PDB file of all heavy atoms in Angstrom:
ATOM      1  N   ASN A   1       7.272 -33.464   5.694  1.00  0.00           N
ATOM      2  CA  ASN A   1       7.524 -34.707   6.430  1.00  0.00           C
ATOM      3  C   ASN A   1       8.875 -34.669   7.159  1.00  0.00           C
ATOM      4  O   ASN A   1       9.704 -35.558   7.003  1.00  0.00           O
ATOM      5  CB  ASN A   1       7.445 -35.906   5.480  1.00  0.00           C
ATOM      6  CG  ASN A   1       7.220 -37.196   6.245  1.00  0.00           C
ATOM      7  OD1 ASN A   1       6.748 -37.171   7.383  1.00  0.00           O
ATOM      8  ND2 ASN A   1       7.564 -38.301   5.626  1.00  0.00           N
ATOM      9  N   TYR A   2       9.074 -33.626   7.959  1.00  0.00           N
ATOM     10  CA  TYR A   2      10.332 -33.440   8.684  1.00  0.00           C
ATOM     11  C   TYR A   2      10.360 -34.351   9.911  1.00  0.00           C
ATOM     12  O   TYR A   2       9.625 -34.138  10.867  1.00  0.00           O
ATOM     13  CB  TYR A   2      10.494 -31.973   9.106  1.00  0.00           C
ATOM     14  CG  TYR A   2      10.445 -31.022   7.942  1.00  0.00           C
ATOM     15  CD1 TYR A   2       9.326 -30.221   7.717  1.00  0.00           C
ATOM     16  CD2 TYR A   2      11.514 -30.937   7.064  1.00  0.00           C
ATOM     17  CE1 TYR A   2       9.293 -29.347   6.648  1.00  0.00           C
ATOM     18  CE2 TYR A   2      11.484 -30.064   5.990  1.00  0.00           C
ATOM     19  CZ  TYR A   2      10.368 -29.277   5.785  1.00  0.00           C
ATOM     20  OH  TYR A   2      10.337 -28.415   4.721  1.00  0.00           O
ATOM     21  N   THR A   3      11.204 -35.341   9.888  1.00  0.00           N
ATOM     22  CA  THR A   3      11.228 -36.326  10.965  1.00  0.00           C
ATOM     23  C   THR A   3      11.989 -35.861  12.204  1.00  0.00           C
ATOM     24  O   THR A   3      11.806 -36.431  13.275  1.00  0.00           O
ATOM     25  CB  THR A   3      11.842 -37.651  10.465  1.00  0.00           C
ATOM     26  OG1 THR A   3      13.160 -37.376   9.973  1.00  0.00           O
ATOM     27  CG2 THR A   3      10.989 -38.265   9.369  1.00  0.00           C
ATOM     28  N   ASN A   4      12.828 -34.838  12.073  1.00  0.00           N
ATOM     29  CA  ASN A   4      13.615 -34.361  13.209  1.00  0.00           C
ATOM     30  C   ASN A   4      13.141 -33.017  13.752  1.00  0.00           C
ATOM     31  O   ASN A   4      13.798 -32.437  14.607  1.00  0.00           O
ATOM     32  CB  ASN A   4      15.088 -34.251  12.821  1.00  0.00           C
ATOM     33  CG  ASN A   4      15.691 -35.612  12.555  1.00  0.00           C
ATOM     34  OD1 ASN A   4      15.557 -36.519  13.358  1.00  0.00           O
ATOM     35  ND2 ASN A   4      16.333 -35.759  11.411  1.00  0.00           N
ATOM     36  N   LEU A   5      12.022 -32.518  13.229  1.00  0.00           N
ATOM     37  CA  LEU A   5      11.506 -31.223  13.653  1.00  0.00           C
ATOM     38  C   LEU A   5      10.119 -31.360  14.254  1.00  0.00           C
ATOM     39  O   LEU A   5       9.309 -32.169  13.808  1.00  0.00           O
ATOM     40  CB  LEU A   5      11.431 -30.257  12.468  1.00  0.00           C
ATOM     41  CG  LEU A   5      12.717 -29.962  11.720  1.00  0.00           C
ATOM     42  CD1 LEU A   5      12.442 -29.024  10.553  1.00  0.00           C
ATOM     43  CD2 LEU A   5      13.768 -29.387  12.647  1.00  0.00           C
ATOM     44  N   GLU A   6       9.860 -30.534  15.264  1.00  0.00           N
ATOM     45  CA  GLU A   6       8.531 -30.455  15.871  1.00  0.00           C
ATOM     46  C   GLU A   6       8.122 -28.992  15.882  1.00  0.00           C
ATOM     47  O   GLU A   6       8.826 -28.155  16.450  1.00  0.00           O
ATOM     48  CB  GLU A   6       8.562 -30.997  17.302  1.00  0.00           C
ATOM     49  CG  GLU A   6       7.260 -30.839  18.038  1.00  0.00           C
ATOM     50  CD  GLU A   6       7.364 -31.236  19.502  1.00  0.00           C
ATOM     51  OE1 GLU A   6       8.333 -31.931  19.876  1.00  0.00           O
ATOM     52  OE2 GLU A   6       6.483 -30.837  20.262  1.00  0.00           O
ATOM     53  N   PHE A   7       7.009 -28.681  15.257  1.00  0.00           N
ATOM     54  CA  PHE A   7       6.555 -27.305  15.263  1.00  0.00           C
ATOM     55  C   PHE A   7       6.009 -26.973  16.649  1.00  0.00           C
ATOM     56  O   PHE A   7       5.191 -27.698  17.197  1.00  0.00           O
ATOM     57  CB  PHE A   7       5.486 -27.062  14.186  1.00  0.00           C
ATOM     58  CG  PHE A   7       5.067 -25.638  14.156  1.00  0.00           C
ATOM     59  CD1 PHE A   7       5.928 -24.670  13.664  1.00  0.00           C
ATOM     60  CD2 PHE A   7       3.856 -25.248  14.674  1.00  0.00           C
ATOM     61  CE1 PHE A   7       5.577 -23.329  13.680  1.00  0.00           C
ATOM     62  CE2 PHE A   7       3.496 -23.916  14.685  1.00  0.00           C
ATOM     63  CZ  PHE A   7       4.352 -22.958  14.193  1.00  0.00           C
ATOM     64  N   ALA A   8       6.478 -25.857  17.236  1.00  0.00           N
ATOM     65  CA  ALA A   8       6.113 -25.522  18.612  1.00  0.00           C
ATOM     66  C   ALA A   8       5.289 -24.247  18.730  1.00  0.00           C
ATOM     67  O   ALA A   8       4.593 -24.064  19.724  1.00  0.00           O
ATOM     68  CB  ALA A   8       7.373 -25.396  19.461  1.00  0.00           C
ATOM     69  N   GLY A   9       5.376 -23.350  17.755  1.00  0.00           N
ATOM     70  CA  GLY A   9       4.598 -22.130  17.884  1.00  0.00           C
ATOM     71  C   GLY A   9       5.041 -21.027  16.960  1.00  0.00           C
ATOM     72  O   GLY A   9       5.860 -21.219  16.058  1.00  0.00           O
ATOM     73  N   PHE A  10       4.474 -19.854  17.222  1.00  0.00           N
ATOM     74  CA  PHE A  10       4.718 -18.679  16.394  1.00  0.00           C
ATOM     75  C   PHE A  10       5.273 -17.551  17.242  1.00  0.00           C
ATOM     76  O   PHE A  10       4.938 -17.415  18.412  1.00  0.00           O
ATOM     77  CB  PHE A  10       3.409 -18.196  15.763  1.00  0.00           C
ATOM     78  CG  PHE A  10       2.821 -19.170  14.788  1.00  0.00           C
ATOM     79  CD1 PHE A  10       1.874 -20.097  15.193  1.00  0.00           C
ATOM     80  CD2 PHE A  10       3.229 -19.177  13.458  1.00  0.00           C
ATOM     81  CE1 PHE A  10       1.332 -21.000  14.286  1.00  0.00           C
ATOM     82  CE2 PHE A  10       2.698 -20.081  12.555  1.00  0.00           C
ATOM     83  CZ  PHE A  10       1.746 -20.994  12.968  1.00  0.00           C
ATOM     84  N   TYR A  11       6.128 -16.741  16.625  1.00  0.00           N
ATOM     85  CA  TYR A  11       6.553 -15.526  17.313  1.00  0.00           C
ATOM     86  C   TYR A  11       6.186 -14.318  16.464  1.00  0.00           C
ATOM     87  O   TYR A  11       6.168 -14.376  15.235  1.00  0.00           O
ATOM     88  CB  TYR A  11       8.030 -15.557  17.707  1.00  0.00           C
ATOM     89  CG  TYR A  11       9.030 -15.332  16.603  1.00  0.00           C
ATOM     90  CD1 TYR A  11       9.517 -14.050  16.323  1.00  0.00           C
ATOM     91  CD2 TYR A  11       9.525 -16.395  15.864  1.00  0.00           C
ATOM     92  CE1 TYR A  11      10.459 -13.846  15.336  1.00  0.00           C
ATOM     93  CE2 TYR A  11      10.470 -16.199  14.868  1.00  0.00           C
ATOM     94  CZ  TYR A  11      10.929 -14.923  14.614  1.00  0.00           C
ATOM     95  OH  TYR A  11      11.849 -14.720  13.631  1.00  0.00           O
ATOM     96  N   TRP A  12       5.850 -13.259  17.165  1.00  0.00           N
ATOM     97  CA  TRP A  12       5.455 -12.004  16.533  1.00  0.00           C
ATOM     98  C   TRP A  12       6.717 -11.281  16.100  1.00  0.00           C
ATOM     99  O   TRP A  12       7.538 -10.883  16.921  1.00  0.00           O
ATOM    100  CB  TRP A  12       4.656 -11.182  17.534  1.00  0.00           C
ATOM    101  CG  TRP A  12       3.930 -10.014  16.976  1.00  0.00           C
ATOM    102  CD1 TRP A  12       4.168  -8.702  17.271  1.00  0.00           C
ATOM    103  CD2 TRP A  12       2.837 -10.030  16.074  1.00  0.00           C
ATOM    104  NE1 TRP A  12       3.284  -7.901  16.588  1.00  0.00           N
ATOM    105  CE2 TRP A  12       2.451  -8.699  15.844  1.00  0.00           C
ATOM    106  CE3 TRP A  12       2.147 -11.051  15.419  1.00  0.00           C
ATOM    107  CZ2 TRP A  12       1.411  -8.352  14.997  1.00  0.00           C
ATOM    108  CZ3 TRP A  12       1.108 -10.706  14.577  1.00  0.00           C
ATOM    109  CH2 TRP A  12       0.750  -9.374  14.370  1.00  0.00           C
ATOM    110  N   HIS A  13       6.894 -11.123  14.807  1.00  0.00           N
ATOM    111  CA  HIS A  13       8.137 -10.595  14.252  1.00  0.00           C
ATOM    112  C   HIS A  13       8.335  -9.112  14.545  1.00  0.00           C
ATOM    113  O   HIS A  13       9.465  -8.643  14.662  1.00  0.00           O
ATOM    114  CB  HIS A  13       8.167 -10.850  12.741  1.00  0.00           C
ATOM    115  CG  HIS A  13       9.476 -10.554  12.113  1.00  0.00           C
ATOM    116  ND1 HIS A  13       9.759  -9.341  11.530  1.00  0.00           N
ATOM    117  CD2 HIS A  13      10.595 -11.302  11.988  1.00  0.00           C
ATOM    118  CE1 HIS A  13      10.988  -9.363  11.056  1.00  0.00           C
ATOM    119  NE2 HIS A  13      11.521 -10.539  11.327  1.00  0.00           N
ATOM    120  N   HIS A  14       7.270  -8.372  14.655  1.00  0.00           N
ATOM    121  CA  HIS A  14       7.342  -6.928  14.906  1.00  0.00           C
ATOM    122  C   HIS A  14       7.915  -6.711  16.310  1.00  0.00           C
ATOM    123  O   HIS A  14       7.367  -7.215  17.280  1.00  0.00           O
ATOM    124  CB  HIS A  14       5.929  -6.347  14.786  1.00  0.00           C
ATOM    125  CG  HIS A  14       5.860  -4.975  14.232  1.00  0.00           C
ATOM    126  ND1 HIS A  14       6.466  -4.597  13.069  1.00  0.00           N
ATOM    127  CD2 HIS A  14       5.236  -3.872  14.698  1.00  0.00           C
ATOM    128  CE1 HIS A  14       6.204  -3.322  12.826  1.00  0.00           C
ATOM    129  NE2 HIS A  14       5.476  -2.865  13.803  1.00  0.00           N
ATOM    130  N   GLU A  15       8.998  -5.963  16.435  1.00  0.00           N
ATOM    131  CA  GLU A  15       9.735  -5.876  17.693  1.00  0.00           C
ATOM    132  C   GLU A  15       9.247  -4.798  18.652  1.00  0.00           C
ATOM    133  O   GLU A  15       9.800  -4.632  19.740  1.00  0.00           O
ATOM    134  CB  GLU A  15      11.221  -5.678  17.407  1.00  0.00           C
ATOM    135  CG  GLU A  15      11.841  -6.869  16.729  1.00  0.00           C
ATOM    136  CD  GLU A  15      13.332  -6.707  16.486  1.00  0.00           C
ATOM    137  OE1 GLU A  15      13.888  -5.609  16.732  1.00  0.00           O
ATOM    138  OE2 GLU A  15      13.953  -7.691  16.055  1.00  0.00           O
ATOM    139  N   ALA A  16       8.214  -4.066  18.285  1.00  0.00           N
ATOM    140  CA  ALA A  16       7.614  -3.060  19.175  1.00  0.00           C
ATOM    141  C   ALA A  16       6.124  -3.003  18.877  1.00  0.00           C
ATOM    142  O   ALA A  16       5.689  -3.356  17.783  1.00  0.00           O
ATOM    143  CB  ALA A  16       8.247  -1.693  18.961  1.00  0.00           C
ATOM    144  N   MET A  17       5.366  -2.567  19.853  1.00  0.00           N
ATOM    145  CA  MET A  17       3.931  -2.410  19.643  1.00  0.00           C
ATOM    146  C   MET A  17       3.683  -1.100  18.915  1.00  0.00           C
ATOM    147  O   MET A  17       4.304  -0.080  19.228  1.00  0.00           O
ATOM    148  CB  MET A  17       3.191  -2.382  20.982  1.00  0.00           C
ATOM    149  CG  MET A  17       3.140  -3.724  21.667  1.00  0.00           C
ATOM    150  SD  MET A  17       2.286  -4.952  20.663  1.00  0.00           S
ATOM    151  CE  MET A  17       3.489  -6.261  20.699  1.00  0.00           C
ATOM    152  N   GLU A  18       2.805  -1.158  17.959  1.00  0.00           N
ATOM    153  CA  GLU A  18       2.371   0.060  17.278  1.00  0.00           C
ATOM    154  C   GLU A  18       1.448   0.816  18.233  1.00  0.00           C
ATOM    155  O   GLU A  18       0.879   0.236  19.138  1.00  0.00           O
ATOM    156  CB  GLU A  18       1.633  -0.287  15.983  1.00  0.00           C
ATOM    157  CG  GLU A  18       2.506  -0.965  14.953  1.00  0.00           C
ATOM    158  CD  GLU A  18       3.601  -0.061  14.409  1.00  0.00           C
ATOM    159  OE1 GLU A  18       3.362   1.150  14.257  1.00  0.00           O
ATOM    160  OE2 GLU A  18       4.694  -0.578  14.148  1.00  0.00           O
ATOM    161  N   ARG A  19       1.297   2.073  18.020  1.00  0.00           N
ATOM    162  CA  ARG A  19       0.472   2.888  18.918  1.00  0.00           C
ATOM    163  C   ARG A  19      -0.961   3.039  18.409  1.00  0.00           C
ATOM    164  O   ARG A  19      -1.619   4.029  18.677  1.00  0.00           O
ATOM    165  CB  ARG A  19       1.118   4.249  19.127  1.00  0.00           C
ATOM    166  CG  ARG A  19       2.461   4.123  19.813  1.00  0.00           C
ATOM    167  CD  ARG A  19       3.065   5.489  20.063  1.00  0.00           C
ATOM    168  NE  ARG A  19       4.423   5.363  20.527  1.00  0.00           N
ATOM    169  CZ  ARG A  19       4.785   5.416  21.803  1.00  0.00           C
ATOM    170  NH1 ARG A  19       3.880   5.576  22.722  1.00  0.00           N
ATOM    171  NH2 ARG A  19       6.049   5.303  22.138  1.00  0.00           N
ATOM    172  N   HIS A  20      -1.425   2.041  17.659  1.00  0.00           N
ATOM    173  CA  HIS A  20      -2.795   2.077  17.146  1.00  0.00           C
ATOM    174  C   HIS A  20      -3.776   1.687  18.232  1.00  0.00           C
ATOM    175  O   HIS A  20      -3.476   0.874  19.104  1.00  0.00           O
ATOM    176  CB  HIS A  20      -2.961   1.099  15.975  1.00  0.00           C
ATOM    177  CG  HIS A  20      -2.061   1.392  14.824  1.00  0.00           C
ATOM    178  ND1 HIS A  20      -2.193   2.511  14.051  1.00  0.00           N
ATOM    179  CD2 HIS A  20      -1.001   0.719  14.331  1.00  0.00           C
ATOM    180  CE1 HIS A  20      -1.261   2.517  13.111  1.00  0.00           C
ATOM    181  NE2 HIS A  20      -0.514   1.437  13.271  1.00  0.00           N
ATOM    182  N   VAL A  21      -4.947   2.232  18.148  1.00  0.00           N
ATOM    183  CA  VAL A  21      -6.002   1.922  19.108  1.00  0.00           C
ATOM    184  C   VAL A  21      -6.335   0.437  19.089  1.00  0.00           C
ATOM    185  O   VAL A  21      -6.608  -0.159  20.119  1.00  0.00           O
ATOM    186  CB  VAL A  21      -7.270   2.762  18.789  1.00  0.00           C
ATOM    187  CG1 VAL A  21      -8.412   2.373  19.696  1.00  0.00           C
ATOM    188  CG2 VAL A  21      -6.963   4.244  18.902  1.00  0.00           C
ATOM    189  N   ASP A  22      -6.275  -0.179  17.911  1.00  0.00           N
ATOM    190  CA  ASP A  22      -6.697  -1.579  17.791  1.00  0.00           C
ATOM    191  C   ASP A  22      -5.569  -2.588  17.980  1.00  0.00           C
ATOM    192  O   ASP A  22      -5.764  -3.784  17.793  1.00  0.00           O
ATOM    193  CB  ASP A  22      -7.397  -1.811  16.459  1.00  0.00           C
ATOM    194  CG  ASP A  22      -6.471  -1.628  15.254  1.00  0.00           C
ATOM    195  OD1 ASP A  22      -5.292  -1.264  15.425  1.00  0.00           O
ATOM    196  OD2 ASP A  22      -6.945  -1.852  14.130  1.00  0.00           O
ATOM    197  N   GLU A  23      -4.372  -2.148  18.381  1.00  0.00           N
ATOM    198  CA  GLU A  23      -3.239  -3.072  18.502  1.00  0.00           C
ATOM    199  C   GLU A  23      -3.499  -4.176  19.528  1.00  0.00           C
ATOM    200  O   GLU A  23      -3.199  -5.338  19.299  1.00  0.00           O
ATOM    201  CB  GLU A  23      -1.963  -2.296  18.876  1.00  0.00           C
ATOM    202  CG  GLU A  23      -0.709  -3.080  18.637  1.00  0.00           C
ATOM    203  CD  GLU A  23      -0.346  -3.205  17.169  1.00  0.00           C
ATOM    204  OE1 GLU A  23      -1.084  -2.711  16.291  1.00  0.00           O
ATOM    205  OE2 GLU A  23       0.685  -3.817  16.880  1.00  0.00           O
ATOM    206  N   MET A  24      -4.095  -3.822  20.676  1.00  0.00           N
ATOM    207  CA  MET A  24      -4.402  -4.808  21.714  1.00  0.00           C
ATOM    208  C   MET A  24      -5.422  -5.812  21.185  1.00  0.00           C
ATOM    209  O   MET A  24      -5.273  -7.022  21.387  1.00  0.00           O
ATOM    210  CB  MET A  24      -4.931  -4.109  22.964  1.00  0.00           C
ATOM    211  CG  MET A  24      -5.144  -5.020  24.144  1.00  0.00           C
ATOM    212  SD  MET A  24      -3.632  -5.599  24.937  1.00  0.00           S
ATOM    213  CE  MET A  24      -3.054  -4.138  25.766  1.00  0.00           C
ATOM    214  N   GLU A  25      -6.429  -5.339  20.500  1.00  0.00           N
ATOM    215  CA  GLU A  25      -7.455  -6.223  19.917  1.00  0.00           C
ATOM    216  C   GLU A  25      -6.835  -7.155  18.875  1.00  0.00           C
ATOM    217  O   GLU A  25      -7.116  -8.352  18.847  1.00  0.00           O
ATOM    218  CB  GLU A  25      -8.566  -5.385  19.285  1.00  0.00           C
ATOM    219  CG  GLU A  25      -9.680  -6.216  18.682  1.00  0.00           C
ATOM    220  CD  GLU A  25     -10.720  -5.366  17.962  1.00  0.00           C
ATOM    221  OE1 GLU A  25     -10.637  -4.120  17.975  1.00  0.00           O
ATOM    222  OE2 GLU A  25     -11.623  -5.971  17.361  1.00  0.00           O
ATOM    223  N   LEU A  26      -5.983  -6.607  18.021  1.00  0.00           N
ATOM    224  CA  LEU A  26      -5.319  -7.410  16.996  1.00  0.00           C
ATOM    225  C   LEU A  26      -4.500  -8.528  17.626  1.00  0.00           C
ATOM    226  O   LEU A  26      -4.651  -9.696  17.277  1.00  0.00           O
ATOM    227  CB  LEU A  26      -4.413  -6.532  16.127  1.00  0.00           C
ATOM    228  CG  LEU A  26      -3.499  -7.295  15.162  1.00  0.00           C
ATOM    229  CD1 LEU A  26      -4.318  -7.987  14.075  1.00  0.00           C
ATOM    230  CD2 LEU A  26      -2.467  -6.362  14.558  1.00  0.00           C
ATOM    231  N   LEU A  27      -3.632  -8.175  18.567  1.00  0.00           N
ATOM    232  CA  LEU A  27      -2.740  -9.171  19.164  1.00  0.00           C
ATOM    233  C   LEU A  27      -3.503 -10.214  19.966  1.00  0.00           C
ATOM    234  O   LEU A  27      -3.163 -11.399  19.920  1.00  0.00           O
ATOM    235  CB  LEU A  27      -1.687  -8.494  20.046  1.00  0.00           C
ATOM    236  CG  LEU A  27      -0.371  -8.125  19.374  1.00  0.00           C
ATOM    237  CD1 LEU A  27       0.416  -9.330  18.971  1.00  0.00           C
ATOM    238  CD2 LEU A  27      -0.517  -7.196  18.229  1.00  0.00           C
ATOM    239  N   ASN A  28      -4.538  -9.802  20.677  1.00  0.00           N
ATOM    240  CA  ASN A  28      -5.316 -10.779  21.422  1.00  0.00           C
ATOM    241  C   ASN A  28      -6.084 -11.708  20.490  1.00  0.00           C
ATOM    242  O   ASN A  28      -6.233 -12.892  20.770  1.00  0.00           O
ATOM    243  CB  ASN A  28      -6.249 -10.088  22.426  1.00  0.00           C
ATOM    244  CG  ASN A  28      -5.519  -9.733  23.696  1.00  0.00           C
ATOM    245  OD1 ASN A  28      -5.326 -10.579  24.552  1.00  0.00           O
ATOM    246  ND2 ASN A  28      -5.079  -8.495  23.797  1.00  0.00           N
ATOM    247  N   SER A  29      -6.522 -11.194  19.354  1.00  0.00           N
ATOM    248  CA  SER A  29      -7.195 -12.039  18.358  1.00  0.00           C
ATOM    249  C   SER A  29      -6.211 -13.040  17.751  1.00  0.00           C
ATOM    250  O   SER A  29      -6.536 -14.217  17.575  1.00  0.00           O
ATOM    251  CB  SER A  29      -7.812 -11.180  17.254  1.00  0.00           C
ATOM    252  OG  SER A  29      -8.835 -10.363  17.771  1.00  0.00           O
ATOM    253  N   VAL A  30      -5.006 -12.581  17.447  1.00  0.00           N
ATOM    254  CA  VAL A  30      -3.984 -13.476  16.904  1.00  0.00           C
ATOM    255  C   VAL A  30      -3.606 -14.517  17.953  1.00  0.00           C
ATOM    256  O   VAL A  30      -3.452 -15.704  17.636  1.00  0.00           O
ATOM    257  CB  VAL A  30      -2.745 -12.683  16.426  1.00  0.00           C
ATOM    258  CG1 VAL A  30      -1.608 -13.626  16.040  1.00  0.00           C
ATOM    259  CG2 VAL A  30      -3.114 -11.789  15.247  1.00  0.00           C
ATOM    260  N   SER A  31      -3.485 -14.096  19.194  1.00  0.00           N
ATOM    261  CA  SER A  31      -3.163 -15.024  20.281  1.00  0.00           C
ATOM    262  C   SER A  31      -4.224 -16.125  20.389  1.00  0.00           C
ATOM    263  O   SER A  31      -3.892 -17.316  20.503  1.00  0.00           O
ATOM    264  CB  SER A  31      -3.058 -14.260  21.606  1.00  0.00           C
ATOM    265  OG  SER A  31      -2.799 -15.144  22.667  1.00  0.00           O
ATOM    266  N   ARG A  32      -5.486 -15.738  20.362  1.00  0.00           N
ATOM    267  CA  ARG A  32      -6.575 -16.742  20.419  1.00  0.00           C
ATOM    268  C   ARG A  32      -6.497 -17.700  19.231  1.00  0.00           C
ATOM    269  O   ARG A  32      -6.696 -18.905  19.378  1.00  0.00           O
ATOM    270  CB  ARG A  32      -7.939 -16.051  20.473  1.00  0.00           C
ATOM    271  CG  ARG A  32      -8.273 -15.473  21.829  1.00  0.00           C
ATOM    272  CD  ARG A  32      -9.720 -15.009  21.927  1.00  0.00           C
ATOM    273  NE  ARG A  32     -10.038 -13.928  21.011  1.00  0.00           N
ATOM    274  CZ  ARG A  32      -9.820 -12.633  21.271  1.00  0.00           C
ATOM    275  NH1 ARG A  32      -9.277 -12.263  22.409  1.00  0.00           N
ATOM    276  NH2 ARG A  32     -10.146 -11.708  20.387  1.00  0.00           N
ATOM    277  N   LEU A  33      -6.194 -17.167  18.067  1.00  0.00           N
ATOM    278  CA  LEU A  33      -6.069 -17.991  16.863  1.00  0.00           C
ATOM    279  C   LEU A  33      -4.942 -19.008  17.028  1.00  0.00           C
ATOM    280  O   LEU A  33      -5.128 -20.210  16.789  1.00  0.00           O
ATOM    281  CB  LEU A  33      -5.817 -17.101  15.646  1.00  0.00           C
ATOM    282  CG  LEU A  33      -5.524 -17.792  14.323  1.00  0.00           C
ATOM    283  CD1 LEU A  33      -6.724 -18.611  13.872  1.00  0.00           C
ATOM    284  CD2 LEU A  33      -5.150 -16.765  13.267  1.00  0.00           C
ATOM    285  N   VAL A  34      -3.771 -18.550  17.440  1.00  0.00           N
ATOM    286  CA  VAL A  34      -2.619 -19.444  17.624  1.00  0.00           C
ATOM    287  C   VAL A  34      -2.928 -20.493  18.689  1.00  0.00           C
ATOM    288  O   VAL A  34      -2.666 -21.686  18.499  1.00  0.00           O
ATOM    289  CB  VAL A  34      -1.354 -18.624  17.984  1.00  0.00           C
ATOM    290  CG1 VAL A  34      -0.232 -19.537  18.466  1.00  0.00           C
ATOM    291  CG2 VAL A  34      -0.901 -17.792  16.785  1.00  0.00           C
ATOM    292  N   HIS A  35      -3.496 -20.058  19.800  1.00  0.00           N
ATOM    293  CA  HIS A  35      -3.811 -21.004  20.885  1.00  0.00           C
ATOM    294  C   HIS A  35      -4.896 -21.997  20.479  1.00  0.00           C
ATOM    295  O   HIS A  35      -4.860 -23.157  20.914  1.00  0.00           O
ATOM    296  CB  HIS A  35      -4.207 -20.249  22.146  1.00  0.00           C
ATOM    297  CG  HIS A  35      -3.069 -19.514  22.771  1.00  0.00           C
ATOM    298  ND1 HIS A  35      -3.177 -18.229  23.229  1.00  0.00           N
ATOM    299  CD2 HIS A  35      -1.780 -19.872  22.997  1.00  0.00           C
ATOM    300  CE1 HIS A  35      -2.015 -17.833  23.722  1.00  0.00           C
ATOM    301  NE2 HIS A  35      -1.148 -18.820  23.576  1.00  0.00           N
ATOM    302  N   SER A  36      -5.835 -21.571  19.640  1.00  0.00           N
ATOM    303  CA  SER A  36      -6.893 -22.488  19.193  1.00  0.00           C
ATOM    304  C   SER A  36      -6.329 -23.635  18.363  1.00  0.00           C
ATOM    305  O   SER A  36      -6.931 -24.697  18.257  1.00  0.00           O
ATOM    306  CB  SER A  36      -7.966 -21.742  18.388  1.00  0.00           C
ATOM    307  OG  SER A  36      -7.489 -21.406  17.087  1.00  0.00           O
ATOM    308  N   LYS A  37      -5.153 -23.405  17.800  1.00  0.00           N
ATOM    309  CA  LYS A  37      -4.486 -24.447  17.013  1.00  0.00           C
ATOM    310  C   LYS A  37      -3.520 -25.263  17.875  1.00  0.00           C
ATOM    311  O   LYS A  37      -2.860 -26.172  17.399  1.00  0.00           O
ATOM    312  CB  LYS A  37      -3.767 -23.820  15.814  1.00  0.00           C
ATOM    313  CG  LYS A  37      -4.755 -23.174  14.833  1.00  0.00           C
ATOM    314  CD  LYS A  37      -4.056 -22.503  13.684  1.00  0.00           C
ATOM    315  CE  LYS A  37      -5.011 -21.784  12.764  1.00  0.00           C
ATOM    316  NZ  LYS A  37      -6.004 -22.611  12.093  1.00  0.00           N
ATOM    317  N   GLY A  38      -3.436 -24.900  19.175  1.00  0.00           N
ATOM    318  CA  GLY A  38      -2.635 -25.665  20.125  1.00  0.00           C
ATOM    319  C   GLY A  38      -1.165 -25.299  20.194  1.00  0.00           C
ATOM    320  O   GLY A  38      -0.342 -26.124  20.601  1.00  0.00           O
ATOM    321  N   TYR A  39      -0.824 -24.061  19.837  1.00  0.00           N
ATOM    322  CA  TYR A  39       0.585 -23.671  19.802  1.00  0.00           C
ATOM    323  C   TYR A  39       0.862 -22.468  20.695  1.00  0.00           C
ATOM    324  O   TYR A  39      -0.046 -21.746  21.096  1.00  0.00           O
ATOM    325  CB  TYR A  39       1.018 -23.374  18.363  1.00  0.00           C
ATOM    326  CG  TYR A  39       0.960 -24.620  17.527  1.00  0.00           C
ATOM    327  CD1 TYR A  39      -0.096 -24.854  16.660  1.00  0.00           C
ATOM    328  CD2 TYR A  39       1.944 -25.598  17.654  1.00  0.00           C
ATOM    329  CE1 TYR A  39      -0.163 -26.023  15.921  1.00  0.00           C
ATOM    330  CE2 TYR A  39       1.881 -26.769  16.917  1.00  0.00           C
ATOM    331  CZ  TYR A  39       0.831 -26.968  16.061  1.00  0.00           C
ATOM    332  OH  TYR A  39       0.760 -28.129  15.349  1.00  0.00           O
TER     333      TYR A  39
END
């Protein structure tokens, strides 16, 4: 019940992209998830 805070979104803590084949799929899936929640 934080009266002076507004949650605005998420940031990806990992500071570089991994070189995995599925990295683009992973990040786009996470992006869709975050956006589906309105952030």
